[in-house]
Amino acid sequence: MQNRKARIAVLVSGGGTNLQALLDAEKSGIIKSGEIVLVISSNPNAYALERAAHASVDAVTVSKKAFGGQEQFEESIRRKLTEYQIDFIVLAGFMSILSADFTSRYPKRILNVHPSLIPSFCGQGFYGLNVHIAALEKGVKVTGATVHYVNEIPDGGEIILQKAVSVREKDTPESLQKRVMRLAEWKILPAAVEKVCAAFLEN
């Protein structure tokens, strides 16, 4: 089918800087095989919802608290994904762990960006600043980011892309987090999305 693009939903919980990187990449033509058609936020106050609105992308809030449990929460997300005929799901700062039941329904269709070079500093409890705190405590000289497929194991899916970032002597967790975002996450997440969408359209 000519001009067909893979349909993407981005799941967010906070500021949405990775969502912005994806929206900018779509606008500039870095992502040309996919289009972001839906943003789902687990937090009604997430600034990411504003970013979606500015880009004229449909956005909804699906809060676990409002649904009273994981099963109903995930069922509500699934309904939205079906309604929008979503091909790929991108987790961009999404702070809820998805169950094995959920991830098994979308094999190699869910992507996540993690702020370290997996298998370092990943798995249960390693998210946000915690990752950078652990990297600095360990004294690593190189860190980075990884885009991987999501399966039932936290940060356990197959790696799609990685990019290394040097650690500086005077780094704080906050300065390291910002640099990893700017030099790695915001570059490899759009590149990985384009890569999987292009491959999907060829099949």
N, C-alpha and C. Protein backbone atom coordinates (compact mmCIF):
# COMPACT_ATOMS: atom_id res chain seq x y z
N MET A 1 0.84 -1.18 0.00
CA MET A 1 0.00 0.00 0.00
C MET A 1 0.89 1.25 0.00
N GLN A 2 0.75 2.09 -1.02
CA GLN A 2 1.57 3.29 -1.14
C GLN A 2 1.30 4.27 0.01
N ASN A 3 2.36 4.92 0.45
CA ASN A 3 2.25 5.95 1.49
C ASN A 3 1.77 5.45 2.84
N ARG A 4 1.70 4.14 3.02
CA ARG A 4 1.29 3.59 4.32
C ARG A 4 2.39 3.89 5.33
N LYS A 5 1.98 4.30 6.52
CA LYS A 5 2.94 4.50 7.61
C LYS A 5 2.51 3.64 8.80
N ALA A 6 3.50 3.18 9.55
CA ALA A 6 3.19 2.44 10.77
C ALA A 6 2.57 3.41 11.78
N ARG A 7 1.55 2.95 12.48
CA ARG A 7 0.84 3.82 13.43
C ARG A 7 1.43 3.61 14.84
N ILE A 8 1.82 4.72 15.46
CA ILE A 8 2.58 4.67 16.72
C ILE A 8 1.78 5.31 17.85
N ALA A 9 1.78 4.62 19.01
CA ALA A 9 1.28 5.21 20.25
C ALA A 9 2.47 5.40 21.18
N VAL A 10 2.55 6.57 21.81
CA VAL A 10 3.63 6.84 22.76
C VAL A 10 3.02 6.90 24.16
N LEU A 11 3.57 6.08 25.07
CA LEU A 11 3.08 6.03 26.45
C LEU A 11 4.01 6.84 27.34
N VAL A 12 3.44 7.76 28.11
CA VAL A 12 4.22 8.74 28.88
C VAL A 12 3.69 8.84 30.31
N SER A 13 4.50 9.47 31.18
CA SER A 13 4.05 9.73 32.55
C SER A 13 4.43 11.12 33.04
N GLY A 14 5.37 11.77 32.35
CA GLY A 14 5.91 13.01 32.91
C GLY A 14 6.08 14.12 31.89
N GLY A 15 7.29 14.69 31.86
CA GLY A 15 7.56 15.88 31.05
C GLY A 15 7.50 15.67 29.55
N GLY A 16 7.79 14.46 29.13
CA GLY A 16 7.65 14.15 27.71
C GLY A 16 8.78 14.63 26.82
N THR A 17 10.02 14.69 27.37
CA THR A 17 11.13 15.14 26.53
C THR A 17 11.43 14.13 25.42
N ASN A 18 11.31 12.84 25.71
CA ASN A 18 11.52 11.85 24.66
C ASN A 18 10.38 11.88 23.64
N LEU A 19 9.17 12.15 24.10
CA LEU A 19 8.04 12.33 23.17
C LEU A 19 8.35 13.50 22.24
N GLN A 20 8.87 14.59 22.80
CA GLN A 20 9.20 15.77 21.98
C GLN A 20 10.25 15.42 20.93
N ALA A 21 11.25 14.62 21.35
CA ALA A 21 12.30 14.20 20.39
C ALA A 21 11.68 13.42 19.24
N LEU A 22 10.68 12.58 19.55
CA LEU A 22 10.00 11.80 18.50
C LEU A 22 9.16 12.69 17.60
N LEU A 23 8.43 13.63 18.20
CA LEU A 23 7.60 14.55 17.41
C LEU A 23 8.48 15.40 16.49
N ASP A 24 9.61 15.88 17.02
CA ASP A 24 10.54 16.68 16.21
C ASP A 24 11.14 15.85 15.08
N ALA A 25 11.45 14.59 15.39
CA ALA A 25 12.05 13.70 14.38
C ALA A 25 11.04 13.38 13.26
N GLU A 26 9.79 13.27 13.64
CA GLU A 26 8.76 13.03 12.61
C GLU A 26 8.62 14.26 11.72
N LYS A 27 8.63 15.43 12.34
CA LYS A 27 8.48 16.69 11.61
C LYS A 27 9.66 16.92 10.65
N SER A 28 10.85 16.57 11.11
CA SER A 28 12.05 16.82 10.29
C SER A 28 12.33 15.71 9.28
N GLY A 29 11.55 14.63 9.33
CA GLY A 29 11.72 13.57 8.34
C GLY A 29 12.68 12.47 8.75
N ILE A 30 13.19 12.51 10.00
CA ILE A 30 14.02 11.41 10.50
C ILE A 30 13.14 10.16 10.63
N ILE A 31 11.94 10.37 11.18
CA ILE A 31 10.95 9.29 11.19
C ILE A 31 10.03 9.53 10.00
N LYS A 32 10.17 8.69 8.99
CA LYS A 32 9.32 8.86 7.79
C LYS A 32 8.45 7.63 7.53
N SER A 33 8.76 6.53 8.22
CA SER A 33 7.99 5.29 8.00
C SER A 33 6.90 5.09 9.04
N GLY A 34 6.83 6.01 10.01
CA GLY A 34 5.81 5.89 11.07
C GLY A 34 5.22 7.24 11.39
N GLU A 35 4.03 7.21 12.00
CA GLU A 35 3.43 8.47 12.45
C GLU A 35 2.85 8.28 13.84
N ILE A 36 3.07 9.28 14.69
CA ILE A 36 2.53 9.23 16.06
C ILE A 36 1.07 9.67 15.98
N VAL A 37 0.18 8.75 16.29
CA VAL A 37 -1.26 9.06 16.18
C VAL A 37 -1.94 9.13 17.55
N LEU A 38 -1.23 8.68 18.60
CA LEU A 38 -1.84 8.66 19.92
C LEU A 38 -0.79 8.78 21.01
N VAL A 39 -1.10 9.58 22.04
CA VAL A 39 -0.28 9.65 23.25
C VAL A 39 -1.16 9.21 24.41
N ILE A 40 -0.67 8.26 25.21
CA ILE A 40 -1.40 7.80 26.39
C ILE A 40 -0.56 8.15 27.61
N SER A 41 -1.15 8.90 28.55
CA SER A 41 -0.43 9.28 29.76
C SER A 41 -1.04 8.58 30.98
N SER A 42 -0.17 8.10 31.85
CA SER A 42 -0.65 7.48 33.10
C SER A 42 -0.87 8.54 34.17
N ASN A 43 -0.54 9.79 33.83
CA ASN A 43 -0.62 10.89 34.79
C ASN A 43 -1.40 12.04 34.16
N PRO A 44 -2.54 12.42 34.76
CA PRO A 44 -3.36 13.48 34.16
C PRO A 44 -2.67 14.84 34.11
N ASN A 45 -1.62 15.03 34.92
CA ASN A 45 -0.91 16.32 34.96
C ASN A 45 0.40 16.32 34.18
N ALA A 46 0.65 15.27 33.40
CA ALA A 46 1.92 15.18 32.67
C ALA A 46 2.03 16.29 31.63
N TYR A 47 3.18 16.95 31.60
CA TYR A 47 3.39 18.00 30.60
C TYR A 47 3.41 17.41 29.18
N ALA A 48 3.69 16.13 29.10
CA ALA A 48 3.68 15.46 27.79
C ALA A 48 2.34 15.64 27.08
N LEU A 49 1.25 15.76 27.84
CA LEU A 49 -0.07 15.97 27.23
C LEU A 49 -0.12 17.31 26.50
N GLU A 50 0.56 18.32 27.07
CA GLU A 50 0.65 19.63 26.40
C GLU A 50 1.42 19.51 25.10
N ARG A 51 2.50 18.74 25.15
CA ARG A 51 3.32 18.55 23.94
C ARG A 51 2.49 17.89 22.83
N ALA A 52 1.69 16.90 23.22
CA ALA A 52 0.83 16.23 22.23
C ALA A 52 -0.17 17.22 21.63
N ALA A 53 -0.76 18.04 22.50
CA ALA A 53 -1.74 19.04 22.04
C ALA A 53 -1.11 20.02 21.05
N HIS A 54 0.11 20.48 21.37
CA HIS A 54 0.82 21.42 20.47
C HIS A 54 1.07 20.80 19.11
N ALA A 55 1.27 19.49 19.09
CA ALA A 55 1.55 18.79 17.83
C ALA A 55 0.28 18.25 17.17
N SER A 56 -0.88 18.58 17.75
CA SER A 56 -2.18 18.11 17.24
C SER A 56 -2.27 16.58 17.17
N VAL A 57 -1.72 15.94 18.19
CA VAL A 57 -1.81 14.48 18.31
C VAL A 57 -2.84 14.15 19.39
N ASP A 58 -3.72 13.21 19.12
CA ASP A 58 -4.72 12.80 20.11
C ASP A 58 -4.03 12.29 21.36
N ALA A 59 -4.54 12.69 22.51
CA ALA A 59 -3.94 12.25 23.78
C ALA A 59 -5.03 11.90 24.78
N VAL A 60 -4.79 10.84 25.55
CA VAL A 60 -5.74 10.43 26.58
C VAL A 60 -4.98 10.11 27.86
N THR A 61 -5.67 10.20 28.99
CA THR A 61 -5.09 9.81 30.27
C THR A 61 -5.71 8.49 30.70
N VAL A 62 -4.86 7.53 31.03
CA VAL A 62 -5.33 6.26 31.58
C VAL A 62 -4.58 6.07 32.89
N SER A 63 -5.24 6.36 34.00
CA SER A 63 -4.58 6.32 35.30
C SER A 63 -4.94 5.03 36.04
N LYS A 64 -3.88 4.39 36.57
CA LYS A 64 -4.10 3.13 37.30
C LYS A 64 -5.01 3.37 38.51
N LYS A 65 -4.82 4.52 39.16
CA LYS A 65 -5.63 4.87 40.33
C LYS A 65 -7.12 4.92 39.96
N ALA A 66 -7.40 5.53 38.82
CA ALA A 66 -8.80 5.68 38.38
C ALA A 66 -9.43 4.33 38.06
N PHE A 67 -8.61 3.38 37.60
CA PHE A 67 -9.17 2.08 37.20
C PHE A 67 -9.11 1.04 38.32
N GLY A 68 -8.40 1.37 39.38
CA GLY A 68 -8.43 0.50 40.55
C GLY A 68 -7.61 -0.76 40.48
N GLY A 69 -6.78 -0.92 39.45
CA GLY A 69 -5.93 -2.11 39.41
C GLY A 69 -5.26 -2.29 38.07
N GLN A 70 -4.23 -3.13 38.06
CA GLN A 70 -3.41 -3.35 36.86
C GLN A 70 -4.22 -3.89 35.68
N GLU A 71 -5.08 -4.87 35.97
CA GLU A 71 -5.82 -5.53 34.89
C GLU A 71 -6.72 -4.54 34.13
N GLN A 72 -7.48 -3.76 34.90
CA GLN A 72 -8.41 -2.80 34.28
C GLN A 72 -7.62 -1.68 33.58
N PHE A 73 -6.51 -1.28 34.20
CA PHE A 73 -5.63 -0.25 33.63
C PHE A 73 -5.11 -0.70 32.26
N GLU A 74 -4.59 -1.93 32.21
CA GLU A 74 -4.03 -2.44 30.96
C GLU A 74 -5.13 -2.69 29.92
N GLU A 75 -6.29 -3.14 30.37
CA GLU A 75 -7.41 -3.38 29.46
C GLU A 75 -7.82 -2.07 28.79
N SER A 76 -7.82 -0.99 29.56
CA SER A 76 -8.18 0.33 29.03
C SER A 76 -7.16 0.79 27.99
N ILE A 77 -5.87 0.55 28.26
CA ILE A 77 -4.82 0.89 27.29
C ILE A 77 -5.01 0.07 26.02
N ARG A 78 -5.27 -1.22 26.19
CA ARG A 78 -5.46 -2.11 25.02
C ARG A 78 -6.61 -1.65 24.14
N ARG A 79 -7.70 -1.23 24.79
CA ARG A 79 -8.86 -0.76 24.02
C ARG A 79 -8.48 0.44 23.15
N LYS A 80 -7.71 1.36 23.73
CA LYS A 80 -7.27 2.54 22.98
C LYS A 80 -6.35 2.15 21.82
N LEU A 81 -5.45 1.21 22.07
CA LEU A 81 -4.52 0.77 21.02
C LEU A 81 -5.28 0.14 19.87
N THR A 82 -6.31 -0.63 20.20
CA THR A 82 -7.14 -1.26 19.16
C THR A 82 -7.93 -0.22 18.39
N GLU A 83 -8.51 0.72 19.14
CA GLU A 83 -9.32 1.78 18.53
C GLU A 83 -8.51 2.58 17.51
N TYR A 84 -7.25 2.84 17.82
CA TYR A 84 -6.40 3.63 16.93
C TYR A 84 -5.58 2.77 15.97
N GLN A 85 -5.83 1.46 15.96
CA GLN A 85 -5.14 0.52 15.05
C GLN A 85 -3.61 0.70 15.13
N ILE A 86 -3.11 0.64 16.36
CA ILE A 86 -1.69 0.91 16.61
C ILE A 86 -0.82 -0.28 16.18
N ASP A 87 0.28 0.04 15.49
CA ASP A 87 1.26 -0.97 15.08
C ASP A 87 2.40 -1.08 16.09
N PHE A 88 2.86 0.07 16.60
CA PHE A 88 3.99 0.08 17.55
C PHE A 88 3.68 0.96 18.76
N ILE A 89 4.16 0.49 19.91
CA ILE A 89 4.00 1.22 21.17
C ILE A 89 5.40 1.65 21.61
N VAL A 90 5.57 2.94 21.92
CA VAL A 90 6.86 3.42 22.41
C VAL A 90 6.67 3.91 23.84
N LEU A 91 7.46 3.33 24.76
CA LEU A 91 7.43 3.77 26.15
C LEU A 91 8.47 4.88 26.30
N ALA A 92 8.00 6.10 26.61
CA ALA A 92 8.90 7.24 26.68
C ALA A 92 8.72 7.89 28.06
N GLY A 93 9.45 7.36 29.04
CA GLY A 93 9.29 7.85 30.40
C GLY A 93 7.95 7.41 30.98
N PHE A 94 7.55 6.19 30.64
CA PHE A 94 6.29 5.62 31.16
C PHE A 94 6.63 4.90 32.46
N MET A 95 6.05 5.37 33.57
CA MET A 95 6.50 4.91 34.89
C MET A 95 5.72 3.71 35.44
N SER A 96 4.92 3.07 34.60
CA SER A 96 4.20 1.88 35.06
C SER A 96 4.80 0.64 34.40
N ILE A 97 5.03 -0.39 35.21
CA ILE A 97 5.51 -1.66 34.65
C ILE A 97 4.31 -2.37 34.02
N LEU A 98 4.50 -2.86 32.80
CA LEU A 98 3.42 -3.58 32.12
C LEU A 98 3.57 -5.07 32.39
N SER A 99 2.45 -5.74 32.58
CA SER A 99 2.49 -7.17 32.95
C SER A 99 2.92 -8.04 31.77
N ALA A 100 3.31 -9.27 32.10
CA ALA A 100 3.68 -10.23 31.06
C ALA A 100 2.49 -10.51 30.14
N ASP A 101 1.30 -10.49 30.70
CA ASP A 101 0.09 -10.71 29.90
C ASP A 101 -0.03 -9.63 28.83
N PHE A 102 0.26 -8.38 29.22
CA PHE A 102 0.18 -7.26 28.27
C PHE A 102 1.29 -7.37 27.22
N THR A 103 2.54 -7.50 27.67
CA THR A 103 3.67 -7.46 26.72
C THR A 103 3.63 -8.65 25.76
N SER A 104 3.11 -9.80 26.21
CA SER A 104 3.08 -10.98 25.34
C SER A 104 2.12 -10.81 24.16
N ARG A 105 1.20 -9.87 24.29
CA ARG A 105 0.25 -9.62 23.19
C ARG A 105 0.87 -8.78 22.07
N TYR A 106 2.01 -8.15 22.38
CA TYR A 106 2.65 -7.26 21.39
C TYR A 106 4.12 -7.62 21.22
N PRO A 107 4.42 -8.86 20.79
CA PRO A 107 5.83 -9.25 20.66
C PRO A 107 6.54 -8.39 19.61
N LYS A 108 7.67 -7.83 20.00
CA LYS A 108 8.49 -6.96 19.14
C LYS A 108 7.69 -5.79 18.58
N ARG A 109 6.70 -5.35 19.37
CA ARG A 109 5.91 -4.18 18.96
C ARG A 109 5.98 -3.07 20.01
N ILE A 110 6.66 -3.35 21.14
CA ILE A 110 6.80 -2.33 22.19
C ILE A 110 8.28 -1.98 22.31
N LEU A 111 8.59 -0.68 22.23
CA LEU A 111 9.97 -0.21 22.36
C LEU A 111 10.09 0.63 23.62
N ASN A 112 11.26 0.54 24.24
CA ASN A 112 11.53 1.36 25.42
C ASN A 112 12.93 1.94 25.30
N VAL A 113 13.11 3.15 25.84
CA VAL A 113 14.45 3.73 25.92
C VAL A 113 14.87 3.70 27.38
N HIS A 114 16.09 3.19 27.63
CA HIS A 114 16.60 3.06 28.99
C HIS A 114 17.91 3.84 29.09
N PRO A 115 18.11 4.63 30.17
CA PRO A 115 19.27 5.52 30.24
C PRO A 115 20.56 4.88 30.74
N SER A 116 20.90 3.71 30.20
CA SER A 116 22.21 3.11 30.46
C SER A 116 22.51 2.16 29.30
N LEU A 117 23.74 1.65 29.29
CA LEU A 117 24.10 0.65 28.29
C LEU A 117 23.75 -0.73 28.86
N ILE A 118 22.56 -1.20 28.55
CA ILE A 118 22.13 -2.52 29.03
C ILE A 118 23.17 -3.54 28.58
N PRO A 119 23.63 -4.49 29.41
CA PRO A 119 23.04 -4.96 30.67
C PRO A 119 23.50 -4.24 31.94
N SER A 120 24.18 -3.10 31.83
CA SER A 120 24.55 -2.37 33.05
C SER A 120 23.38 -1.54 33.57
N PHE A 121 23.24 -1.49 34.88
CA PHE A 121 22.29 -0.58 35.55
C PHE A 121 20.88 -0.67 34.95
N CYS A 122 20.35 -1.86 34.94
CA CYS A 122 19.01 -2.04 34.39
C CYS A 122 18.25 -3.07 35.23
N GLY A 123 16.97 -3.22 34.93
CA GLY A 123 16.13 -4.16 35.67
C GLY A 123 15.34 -3.46 36.76
N GLN A 124 14.80 -4.25 37.66
CA GLN A 124 13.93 -3.75 38.73
C GLN A 124 14.58 -2.61 39.51
N GLY A 125 13.88 -1.49 39.65
CA GLY A 125 14.35 -0.38 40.47
C GLY A 125 15.27 0.60 39.75
N PHE A 126 15.75 0.23 38.56
CA PHE A 126 16.63 1.12 37.81
C PHE A 126 15.82 1.96 36.83
N TYR A 127 15.46 3.15 37.27
CA TYR A 127 14.74 4.08 36.39
C TYR A 127 15.09 5.50 36.80
N GLY A 128 14.88 6.43 35.89
CA GLY A 128 15.13 7.85 36.19
C GLY A 128 16.52 8.09 36.72
N LEU A 129 16.61 8.95 37.73
CA LEU A 129 17.91 9.33 38.31
C LEU A 129 18.63 8.16 38.96
N ASN A 130 17.88 7.16 39.43
CA ASN A 130 18.50 5.99 40.09
C ASN A 130 19.60 5.38 39.23
N VAL A 131 19.37 5.36 37.92
CA VAL A 131 20.33 4.75 36.99
C VAL A 131 21.65 5.53 37.02
N HIS A 132 21.54 6.86 36.99
CA HIS A 132 22.74 7.70 36.93
C HIS A 132 23.46 7.74 38.27
N ILE A 133 22.70 7.67 39.36
CA ILE A 133 23.31 7.59 40.70
C ILE A 133 24.16 6.32 40.79
N ALA A 134 23.59 5.21 40.32
CA ALA A 134 24.30 3.91 40.37
C ALA A 134 25.55 3.94 39.49
N ALA A 135 25.45 4.56 38.33
CA ALA A 135 26.61 4.62 37.41
C ALA A 135 27.75 5.42 38.04
N LEU A 136 27.40 6.55 38.67
CA LEU A 136 28.43 7.39 39.30
C LEU A 136 29.03 6.70 40.52
N GLU A 137 28.19 6.02 41.29
CA GLU A 137 28.70 5.29 42.48
C GLU A 137 29.68 4.19 42.07
N LYS A 138 29.42 3.59 40.93
CA LYS A 138 30.27 2.50 40.44
C LYS A 138 31.57 3.03 39.85
N GLY A 139 31.52 4.31 39.46
CA GLY A 139 32.73 4.91 38.88
C GLY A 139 32.95 4.58 37.42
N VAL A 140 31.90 4.25 36.69
CA VAL A 140 32.08 3.94 35.27
C VAL A 140 32.53 5.18 34.51
N LYS A 141 33.31 4.97 33.46
CA LYS A 141 33.82 6.09 32.65
C LYS A 141 32.94 6.32 31.43
N VAL A 142 32.15 5.33 31.10
CA VAL A 142 31.26 5.42 29.93
C VAL A 142 29.89 4.91 30.32
N THR A 143 28.87 5.67 29.97
CA THR A 143 27.49 5.20 30.14
C THR A 143 26.79 5.45 28.81
N GLY A 144 25.48 5.61 28.81
CA GLY A 144 24.79 5.86 27.55
C GLY A 144 23.32 5.53 27.64
N ALA A 145 22.75 5.13 26.51
CA ALA A 145 21.33 4.78 26.48
C ALA A 145 21.12 3.60 25.53
N THR A 146 20.01 2.91 25.76
CA THR A 146 19.67 1.72 24.98
C THR A 146 18.19 1.78 24.60
N VAL A 147 17.91 1.47 23.34
CA VAL A 147 16.51 1.24 22.94
C VAL A 147 16.37 -0.25 22.73
N HIS A 148 15.35 -0.82 23.38
CA HIS A 148 15.16 -2.27 23.30
C HIS A 148 13.69 -2.61 23.18
N TYR A 149 13.43 -3.82 22.70
CA TYR A 149 12.06 -4.32 22.72
C TYR A 149 11.68 -4.66 24.15
N VAL A 150 10.41 -4.53 24.46
CA VAL A 150 9.91 -4.82 25.81
C VAL A 150 9.31 -6.21 25.86
N ASN A 151 9.76 -7.00 26.85
CA ASN A 151 9.12 -8.29 27.10
C ASN A 151 8.75 -8.36 28.58
N GLU A 152 8.53 -9.57 29.08
CA GLU A 152 8.04 -9.68 30.47
C GLU A 152 9.11 -9.39 31.52
N ILE A 153 10.38 -9.30 31.11
CA ILE A 153 11.47 -9.02 32.06
C ILE A 153 11.82 -7.53 31.97
N PRO A 154 11.80 -6.78 33.08
CA PRO A 154 12.16 -5.36 33.00
C PRO A 154 13.53 -5.16 32.35
N ASP A 155 13.55 -4.39 31.27
CA ASP A 155 14.77 -4.10 30.49
C ASP A 155 15.39 -5.36 29.90
N GLY A 156 14.60 -6.41 29.72
CA GLY A 156 15.16 -7.69 29.30
C GLY A 156 15.01 -8.02 27.83
N GLY A 157 14.33 -7.18 27.07
CA GLY A 157 14.09 -7.50 25.65
C GLY A 157 15.30 -7.24 24.77
N GLU A 158 15.21 -7.73 23.55
CA GLU A 158 16.31 -7.62 22.58
C GLU A 158 16.68 -6.15 22.32
N ILE A 159 17.98 -5.88 22.26
CA ILE A 159 18.48 -4.52 22.04
C ILE A 159 18.36 -4.15 20.56
N ILE A 160 17.88 -2.92 20.31
CA ILE A 160 17.75 -2.42 18.94
C ILE A 160 18.91 -1.48 18.63
N LEU A 161 19.13 -0.48 19.49
CA LEU A 161 20.23 0.47 19.29
C LEU A 161 20.81 0.88 20.65
N GLN A 162 22.11 1.21 20.64
CA GLN A 162 22.76 1.76 21.84
C GLN A 162 23.68 2.90 21.43
N LYS A 163 23.88 3.84 22.35
CA LYS A 163 24.84 4.91 22.10
C LYS A 163 25.56 5.23 23.40
N ALA A 164 26.88 5.31 23.32
CA ALA A 164 27.70 5.56 24.51
C ALA A 164 27.88 7.07 24.74
N VAL A 165 28.01 7.43 26.02
CA VAL A 165 28.25 8.81 26.44
C VAL A 165 29.34 8.78 27.52
N SER A 166 30.32 9.65 27.40
CA SER A 166 31.40 9.70 28.40
C SER A 166 30.90 10.31 29.71
N VAL A 167 31.40 9.76 30.81
CA VAL A 167 31.11 10.32 32.15
C VAL A 167 32.23 11.29 32.47
N ARG A 168 31.87 12.48 32.95
CA ARG A 168 32.87 13.49 33.30
C ARG A 168 33.16 13.45 34.79
N GLU A 169 34.34 13.91 35.15
CA GLU A 169 34.80 13.83 36.54
C GLU A 169 33.87 14.54 37.52
N LYS A 170 33.33 15.68 37.11
CA LYS A 170 32.52 16.47 38.04
C LYS A 170 31.02 16.24 37.85
N ASP A 171 30.67 15.17 37.17
CA ASP A 171 29.25 14.90 36.91
C ASP A 171 28.46 14.69 38.20
N THR A 172 27.24 15.20 38.20
CA THR A 172 26.24 14.85 39.22
C THR A 172 25.23 13.95 38.52
N PRO A 173 24.37 13.24 39.26
CA PRO A 173 23.34 12.45 38.58
C PRO A 173 22.51 13.30 37.61
N GLU A 174 22.24 14.55 38.01
CA GLU A 174 21.41 15.43 37.17
C GLU A 174 22.13 15.84 35.89
N SER A 175 23.42 16.19 36.01
CA SER A 175 24.15 16.62 34.80
C SER A 175 24.34 15.44 33.85
N LEU A 176 24.57 14.27 34.43
CA LEU A 176 24.75 13.07 33.61
C LEU A 176 23.44 12.71 32.91
N GLN A 177 22.35 12.80 33.65
CA GLN A 177 21.03 12.51 33.07
C GLN A 177 20.75 13.40 31.86
N LYS A 178 21.02 14.69 32.03
CA LYS A 178 20.76 15.65 30.93
C LYS A 178 21.61 15.32 29.70
N ARG A 179 22.90 14.99 29.94
CA ARG A 179 23.79 14.72 28.81
C ARG A 179 23.42 13.42 28.10
N VAL A 180 23.04 12.40 28.87
CA VAL A 180 22.62 11.13 28.26
C VAL A 180 21.35 11.33 27.42
N MET A 181 20.44 12.16 27.93
CA MET A 181 19.23 12.46 27.14
C MET A 181 19.62 13.13 25.82
N ARG A 182 20.41 14.20 25.93
CA ARG A 182 20.71 15.04 24.77
C ARG A 182 21.56 14.31 23.73
N LEU A 183 22.58 13.58 24.19
CA LEU A 183 23.52 12.95 23.26
C LEU A 183 23.13 11.54 22.85
N ALA A 184 22.29 10.88 23.65
CA ALA A 184 21.97 9.49 23.33
C ALA A 184 20.47 9.26 23.15
N GLU A 185 19.68 9.45 24.21
CA GLU A 185 18.25 9.09 24.14
C GLU A 185 17.53 9.78 22.99
N TRP A 186 17.72 11.10 22.87
CA TRP A 186 16.96 11.85 21.86
C TRP A 186 17.41 11.55 20.45
N LYS A 187 18.56 10.88 20.31
CA LYS A 187 19.05 10.50 18.98
C LYS A 187 18.66 9.07 18.62
N ILE A 188 18.90 8.14 19.57
CA ILE A 188 18.67 6.73 19.18
C ILE A 188 17.20 6.31 19.25
N LEU A 189 16.40 7.01 20.05
CA LEU A 189 14.98 6.62 20.10
C LEU A 189 14.30 6.88 18.74
N PRO A 190 14.41 8.09 18.17
CA PRO A 190 13.83 8.28 16.83
C PRO A 190 14.43 7.35 15.78
N ALA A 191 15.75 7.13 15.85
CA ALA A 191 16.41 6.25 14.86
C ALA A 191 15.89 4.82 14.97
N ALA A 192 15.69 4.35 16.20
CA ALA A 192 15.18 2.98 16.40
C ALA A 192 13.73 2.87 15.92
N VAL A 193 12.94 3.90 16.19
CA VAL A 193 11.54 3.90 15.75
C VAL A 193 11.47 3.83 14.23
N GLU A 194 12.29 4.63 13.56
CA GLU A 194 12.31 4.60 12.09
C GLU A 194 12.75 3.22 11.59
N LYS A 195 13.75 2.67 12.24
CA LYS A 195 14.29 1.36 11.83
C LYS A 195 13.22 0.27 11.90
N VAL A 196 12.50 0.19 13.01
CA VAL A 196 11.51 -0.89 13.16
C VAL A 196 10.28 -0.64 12.28
N CYS A 197 9.91 0.63 12.12
CA CYS A 197 8.75 0.94 11.27
C CYS A 197 9.04 0.63 9.80
N ALA A 198 10.25 0.98 9.36
CA ALA A 198 10.64 0.72 7.96
C ALA A 198 10.65 -0.79 7.69
N ALA A 199 11.21 -1.56 8.63
CA ALA A 199 11.24 -3.02 8.49
C ALA A 199 9.82 -3.61 8.48
N PHE A 200 8.96 -3.07 9.31
CA PHE A 200 7.57 -3.51 9.40
C PHE A 200 6.84 -3.31 8.07
N LEU A 201 7.06 -2.18 7.44
CA LEU A 201 6.37 -1.86 6.18
C LEU A 201 6.87 -2.72 5.02
N GLU A 202 8.11 -3.18 5.14
CA GLU A 202 8.67 -4.03 4.06
C GLU A 202 8.07 -5.43 4.07
N ASN A 203 7.59 -5.87 5.22
CA ASN A 203 7.09 -7.24 5.34
C ASN A 203 5.66 -7.37 4.81
